[in-house]
Amino acid sequence: MVRVGSRDTRPMIVAPSTLRAAESGAAGALQPIAPLLHDTSLTEIMINGPDAIFVERDGRVLLTDRRFADENHLLSAIGALVASVGRRMDLSDPVLEARLPDGSRLTIVLPPVAVDGPMVTIRKFATSPYGIDDLMAASQWRPPAFSGRPSRLAPTC
């Protein structure tokens, strides 16, 4: 929820103090993305408005069927995320970069910087590190080709 403080005329996002409270609270601010937050097969969650929630799975970006009721619901979820990292956002500081309690990277951009409305990115990390075989299978890495010539860094005799 966005609330204007009595002394400060800038909107300030306020919300429950933890992600768990927001997920299970009466408002259920994070309910639309709660399953995504717990899905270990996802590497990124991208929210580009109340009805545009994308995920990255296996290197592919997919549009989900998850939705927030409206922009106020999205702002409540943003408030819950901001509160979970013990930070504050307002119009004078519309960009937040932080780590969620589980270690995921959180980036939030609010208007006027985000001209089309609030945007959120949550970059999750694999539960087990990728090995060389995983990277090769995903076409993310290939061994260097051997040219038959010694490397310039190799010692010369």
C-alpha atoms as a PDB file:
ATOM      1  CA  MET A   1       0.000   0.000   0.000  1.00  0.00           C
ATOM      2  CA  VAL A   2       1.219   3.516  -0.656  1.00  0.00           C
ATOM      3  CA  ARG A   3       0.711   5.933   2.204  1.00  0.00           C
ATOM      4  CA  VAL A   4       1.563   9.590   2.536  1.00  0.00           C
ATOM      5  CA  GLY A   5       3.168  10.350   5.885  1.00  0.00           C
ATOM      6  CA  SER A   6       1.934  13.260   8.012  1.00  0.00           C
ATOM      7  CA  ARG A   7       5.252  15.147   7.946  1.00  0.00           C
ATOM      8  CA  ASP A   8       6.554  13.977   4.616  1.00  0.00           C
ATOM      9  CA  THR A   9       4.520  14.635   1.490  1.00  0.00           C
ATOM     10  CA  ARG A  10       6.335  11.930  -0.484  1.00  0.00           C
ATOM     11  CA  PRO A  11       4.539   8.579  -0.835  1.00  0.00           C
ATOM     12  CA  MET A  12       6.157   5.862   1.251  1.00  0.00           C
ATOM     13  CA  ILE A  13       5.618   2.168   0.748  1.00  0.00           C
ATOM     14  CA  VAL A  14       4.702   0.388   3.973  1.00  0.00           C
ATOM     15  CA  ALA A  15       3.784  -3.259   4.439  1.00  0.00           C
ATOM     16  CA  PRO A  16       4.132  -6.335   6.689  1.00  0.00           C
ATOM     17  CA  SER A  17       7.614  -6.916   8.077  1.00  0.00           C
ATOM     18  CA  THR A  18       8.354 -10.288   6.484  1.00  0.00           C
ATOM     19  CA  LEU A  19       7.665 -12.170   3.290  1.00  0.00           C
ATOM     20  CA  ARG A  20       5.898 -14.936   5.233  1.00  0.00           C
ATOM     21  CA  ALA A  21       3.575 -12.425   6.887  1.00  0.00           C
ATOM     22  CA  ALA A  22       2.709 -10.938   3.517  1.00  0.00           C
ATOM     23  CA  GLU A  23       2.081 -14.350   1.950  1.00  0.00           C
ATOM     24  CA  SER A  24      -0.222 -15.529   4.720  1.00  0.00           C
ATOM     25  CA  GLY A  25      -1.656 -12.185   5.836  1.00  0.00           C
ATOM     26  CA  ALA A  26      -5.260 -11.149   5.318  1.00  0.00           C
ATOM     27  CA  ALA A  27      -4.371  -9.051   2.289  1.00  0.00           C
ATOM     28  CA  GLY A  28      -2.170 -11.797   0.820  1.00  0.00           C
ATOM     29  CA  ALA A  29      -0.051  -9.177  -0.898  1.00  0.00           C
ATOM     30  CA  LEU A  30       2.379 -11.705  -2.377  1.00  0.00           C
ATOM     31  CA  GLN A  31      -0.211 -14.388  -3.091  1.00  0.00           C
ATOM     32  CA  PRO A  32      -0.014 -14.067  -6.899  1.00  0.00           C
ATOM     33  CA  ILE A  33       3.745 -14.702  -6.894  1.00  0.00           C
ATOM     34  CA  ALA A  34       4.127 -16.879  -3.763  1.00  0.00           C
ATOM     35  CA  PRO A  35       4.274 -20.145  -5.761  1.00  0.00           C
ATOM     36  CA  LEU A  36       6.873 -18.578  -8.054  1.00  0.00           C
ATOM     37  CA  LEU A  37       9.020 -17.487  -5.105  1.00  0.00           C
ATOM     38  CA  HIS A  38       9.147 -21.099  -3.898  1.00  0.00           C
ATOM     39  CA  ASP A  39       9.625 -22.732  -7.322  1.00  0.00           C
ATOM     40  CA  THR A  40      13.241 -23.912  -7.412  1.00  0.00           C
ATOM     41  CA  SER A  41      13.151 -24.464 -11.192  1.00  0.00           C
ATOM     42  CA  LEU A  42      12.890 -20.700 -11.816  1.00  0.00           C
ATOM     43  CA  THR A  43      15.900 -18.420 -12.062  1.00  0.00           C
ATOM     44  CA  GLU A  44      14.079 -15.107 -12.435  1.00  0.00           C
ATOM     45  CA  ILE A  45      10.687 -13.520 -11.791  1.00  0.00           C
ATOM     46  CA  MET A  46       9.899 -10.335 -13.719  1.00  0.00           C
ATOM     47  CA  ILE A  47       6.846  -8.216 -12.930  1.00  0.00           C
ATOM     48  CA  ASN A  48       6.110  -5.559 -15.533  1.00  0.00           C
ATOM     49  CA  GLY A  49       2.740  -4.453 -14.199  1.00  0.00           C
ATOM     50  CA  PRO A  50      -0.200  -6.113 -12.460  1.00  0.00           C
ATOM     51  CA  ASP A  51      -1.015  -8.380 -15.392  1.00  0.00           C
ATOM     52  CA  ALA A  52       2.426  -9.062 -16.874  1.00  0.00           C
ATOM     53  CA  ILE A  53       4.370 -11.554 -14.748  1.00  0.00           C
ATOM     54  CA  PHE A  54       7.167 -13.401 -16.529  1.00  0.00           C
ATOM     55  CA  VAL A  55       9.530 -16.121 -15.328  1.00  0.00           C
ATOM     56  CA  GLU A  56      12.776 -17.550 -16.605  1.00  0.00           C
ATOM     57  CA  ARG A  57      13.036 -21.328 -16.579  1.00  0.00           C
ATOM     58  CA  ASP A  58      15.788 -23.292 -18.322  1.00  0.00           C
ATOM     59  CA  GLY A  59      16.996 -20.131 -20.052  1.00  0.00           C
ATOM     60  CA  ARG A  60      13.568 -19.345 -21.535  1.00  0.00           C
ATOM     61  CA  VAL A  61      11.408 -16.360 -20.583  1.00  0.00           C
ATOM     62  CA  LEU A  62       7.742 -17.303 -20.246  1.00  0.00           C
ATOM     63  CA  LEU A  63       4.607 -15.243 -19.583  1.00  0.00           C
ATOM     64  CA  THR A  64       2.687 -16.716 -16.635  1.00  0.00           C
ATOM     65  CA  ASP A  65      -1.040 -16.776 -15.982  1.00  0.00           C
ATOM     66  CA  ARG A  66      -0.445 -15.161 -12.559  1.00  0.00           C
ATOM     67  CA  ARG A  67      -1.946 -11.687 -12.037  1.00  0.00           C
ATOM     68  CA  PHE A  68      -2.308  -9.008  -9.396  1.00  0.00           C
ATOM     69  CA  ALA A  69      -5.829  -7.627  -9.003  1.00  0.00           C
ATOM     70  CA  ASP A  70      -4.690  -4.103  -9.895  1.00  0.00           C
ATOM     71  CA  GLU A  71      -1.789  -1.687  -9.472  1.00  0.00           C
ATOM     72  CA  ASN A  72      -2.617  -1.121  -5.777  1.00  0.00           C
ATOM     73  CA  HIS A  73      -2.322  -4.868  -5.161  1.00  0.00           C
ATOM     74  CA  LEU A  74       1.056  -4.829  -6.939  1.00  0.00           C
ATOM     75  CA  LEU A  75       2.148  -1.862  -4.797  1.00  0.00           C
ATOM     76  CA  SER A  76       1.147  -3.814  -1.671  1.00  0.00           C
ATOM     77  CA  ALA A  77       3.328  -6.704  -2.829  1.00  0.00           C
ATOM     78  CA  ILE A  78       6.181  -4.280  -3.501  1.00  0.00           C
ATOM     79  CA  GLY A  79       5.672  -2.889  -0.010  1.00  0.00           C
ATOM     80  CA  ALA A  80       5.938  -6.395   1.444  1.00  0.00           C
ATOM     81  CA  LEU A  81       9.154  -7.054  -0.477  1.00  0.00           C
ATOM     82  CA  VAL A  82      10.638  -3.711   0.567  1.00  0.00           C
ATOM     83  CA  ALA A  83       9.713  -4.297   4.214  1.00  0.00           C
ATOM     84  CA  SER A  84      11.199  -7.805   4.138  1.00  0.00           C
ATOM     85  CA  VAL A  85      14.617  -6.310   3.428  1.00  0.00           C
ATOM     86  CA  GLY A  86      14.200  -3.542   6.006  1.00  0.00           C
ATOM     87  CA  ARG A  87      14.319  -0.751   3.472  1.00  0.00           C
ATOM     88  CA  ARG A  88      12.114   2.115   2.315  1.00  0.00           C
ATOM     89  CA  MET A  89      11.182   3.517  -1.092  1.00  0.00           C
ATOM     90  CA  ASP A  90       9.592   6.773  -2.138  1.00  0.00           C
ATOM     91  CA  LEU A  91       9.520   9.198  -5.058  1.00  0.00           C
ATOM     92  CA  SER A  92      12.863  10.699  -4.057  1.00  0.00           C
ATOM     93  CA  ASP A  93      14.450   7.226  -4.136  1.00  0.00           C
ATOM     94  CA  PRO A  94      12.450   5.223  -6.727  1.00  0.00           C
ATOM     95  CA  VAL A  95      15.031   2.464  -7.343  1.00  0.00           C
ATOM     96  CA  LEU A  96      15.798  -0.299  -4.860  1.00  0.00           C
ATOM     97  CA  GLU A  97      18.406  -3.023  -5.172  1.00  0.00           C
ATOM     98  CA  ALA A  98      18.640  -5.477  -2.291  1.00  0.00           C
ATOM     99  CA  ARG A  99      18.909  -9.122  -1.290  1.00  0.00           C
ATOM    100  CA  LEU A 100      15.853 -11.001  -0.073  1.00  0.00           C
ATOM    101  CA  PRO A 101      16.180 -13.154   3.065  1.00  0.00           C
ATOM    102  CA  ASP A 102      16.740 -16.253   0.870  1.00  0.00           C
ATOM    103  CA  GLY A 103      19.644 -14.551  -0.960  1.00  0.00           C
ATOM    104  CA  SER A 104      17.743 -13.715  -4.158  1.00  0.00           C
ATOM    105  CA  ARG A 105      18.516 -10.353  -5.754  1.00  0.00           C
ATOM    106  CA  LEU A 106      15.637  -7.892  -5.742  1.00  0.00           C
ATOM    107  CA  THR A 107      15.334  -4.853  -8.007  1.00  0.00           C
ATOM    108  CA  ILE A 108      12.320  -2.549  -7.874  1.00  0.00           C
ATOM    109  CA  VAL A 109      11.798   0.528 -10.025  1.00  0.00           C
ATOM    110  CA  LEU A 110       8.912   2.922  -9.408  1.00  0.00           C
ATOM    111  CA  PRO A 111       7.605   5.870 -11.419  1.00  0.00           C
ATOM    112  CA  PRO A 112       8.818   8.326 -12.539  1.00  0.00           C
ATOM    113  CA  VAL A 113      11.872   6.212 -13.424  1.00  0.00           C
ATOM    114  CA  ALA A 114       9.631   3.332 -14.568  1.00  0.00           C
ATOM    115  CA  VAL A 115       7.451   5.275 -16.991  1.00  0.00           C
ATOM    116  CA  ASP A 116       4.933   2.442 -17.546  1.00  0.00           C
ATOM    117  CA  GLY A 117       4.382   1.699 -13.852  1.00  0.00           C
ATOM    118  CA  PRO A 118       6.129  -0.269 -11.100  1.00  0.00           C
ATOM    119  CA  MET A 119       8.556  -2.994 -12.175  1.00  0.00           C
ATOM    120  CA  VAL A 120      10.066  -5.793 -10.092  1.00  0.00           C
ATOM    121  CA  THR A 121      12.782  -8.317 -10.839  1.00  0.00           C
ATOM    122  CA  ILE A 122      13.722 -11.153  -8.500  1.00  0.00           C
ATOM    123  CA  ARG A 123      16.842 -13.041  -9.555  1.00  0.00           C
ATOM    124  CA  LYS A 124      16.933 -16.421  -7.855  1.00  0.00           C
ATOM    125  CA  PHE A 125      19.937 -18.688  -7.533  1.00  0.00           C
ATOM    126  CA  ALA A 126      20.227 -22.386  -8.277  1.00  0.00           C
ATOM    127  CA  THR A 127      20.017 -24.643  -5.234  1.00  0.00           C
ATOM    128  CA  SER A 128      23.063 -26.518  -6.507  1.00  0.00           C
ATOM    129  CA  PRO A 129      25.833 -24.943  -8.579  1.00  0.00           C
ATOM    130  CA  TYR A 130      25.972 -25.613 -12.297  1.00  0.00           C
ATOM    131  CA  GLY A 131      28.745 -27.889 -13.496  1.00  0.00           C
ATOM    132  CA  ILE A 132      30.585 -27.809 -16.809  1.00  0.00           C
ATOM    133  CA  ASP A 133      28.288 -30.510 -18.225  1.00  0.00           C
ATOM    134  CA  ASP A 134      25.220 -28.418 -17.278  1.00  0.00           C
ATOM    135  CA  LEU A 135      26.668 -25.331 -18.971  1.00  0.00           C
ATOM    136  CA  MET A 136      27.577 -27.278 -22.106  1.00  0.00           C
ATOM    137  CA  ALA A 137      24.100 -28.873 -22.262  1.00  0.00           C
ATOM    138  CA  ALA A 138      22.519 -25.413 -22.056  1.00  0.00           C
ATOM    139  CA  SER A 139      24.903 -24.092 -24.765  1.00  0.00           C
ATOM    140  CA  GLN A 140      26.276 -21.571 -22.270  1.00  0.00           C
ATOM    141  CA  TRP A 141      29.877 -22.741 -22.479  1.00  0.00           C
ATOM    142  CA  ARG A 142      32.058 -24.836 -24.711  1.00  0.00           C
ATOM    143  CA  PRO A 143      35.641 -25.903 -24.222  1.00  0.00           C
ATOM    144  CA  PRO A 144      38.197 -23.816 -26.072  1.00  0.00           C
ATOM    145  CA  ALA A 145      39.256 -25.275 -29.394  1.00  0.00           C
ATOM    146  CA  PHE A 146      42.799 -26.605 -29.586  1.00  0.00           C
ATOM    147  CA  SER A 147      44.608 -25.008 -32.474  1.00  0.00           C
ATOM    148  CA  GLY A 148      47.745 -27.115 -32.242  1.00  0.00           C
ATOM    149  CA  ARG A 149      49.808 -24.041 -31.395  1.00  0.00           C
ATOM    150  CA  PRO A 150      51.058 -23.323 -27.906  1.00  0.00           C
ATOM    151  CA  SER A 151      49.352 -20.548 -26.015  1.00  0.00           C
ATOM    152  CA  ARG A 152      51.077 -17.180 -25.832  1.00  0.00           C
ATOM    153  CA  LEU A 153      50.999 -17.612 -22.087  1.00  0.00           C
ATOM    154  CA  ALA A 154      52.845 -20.934 -22.223  1.00  0.00           C
ATOM    155  CA  PRO A 155      56.476 -20.726 -21.148  1.00  0.00           C
ATOM    156  CA  THR A 156      58.991 -20.863 -23.962  1.00  0.00           C
ATOM    157  CA  CYS A 157      62.209 -22.871 -23.830  1.00  0.00           C
END
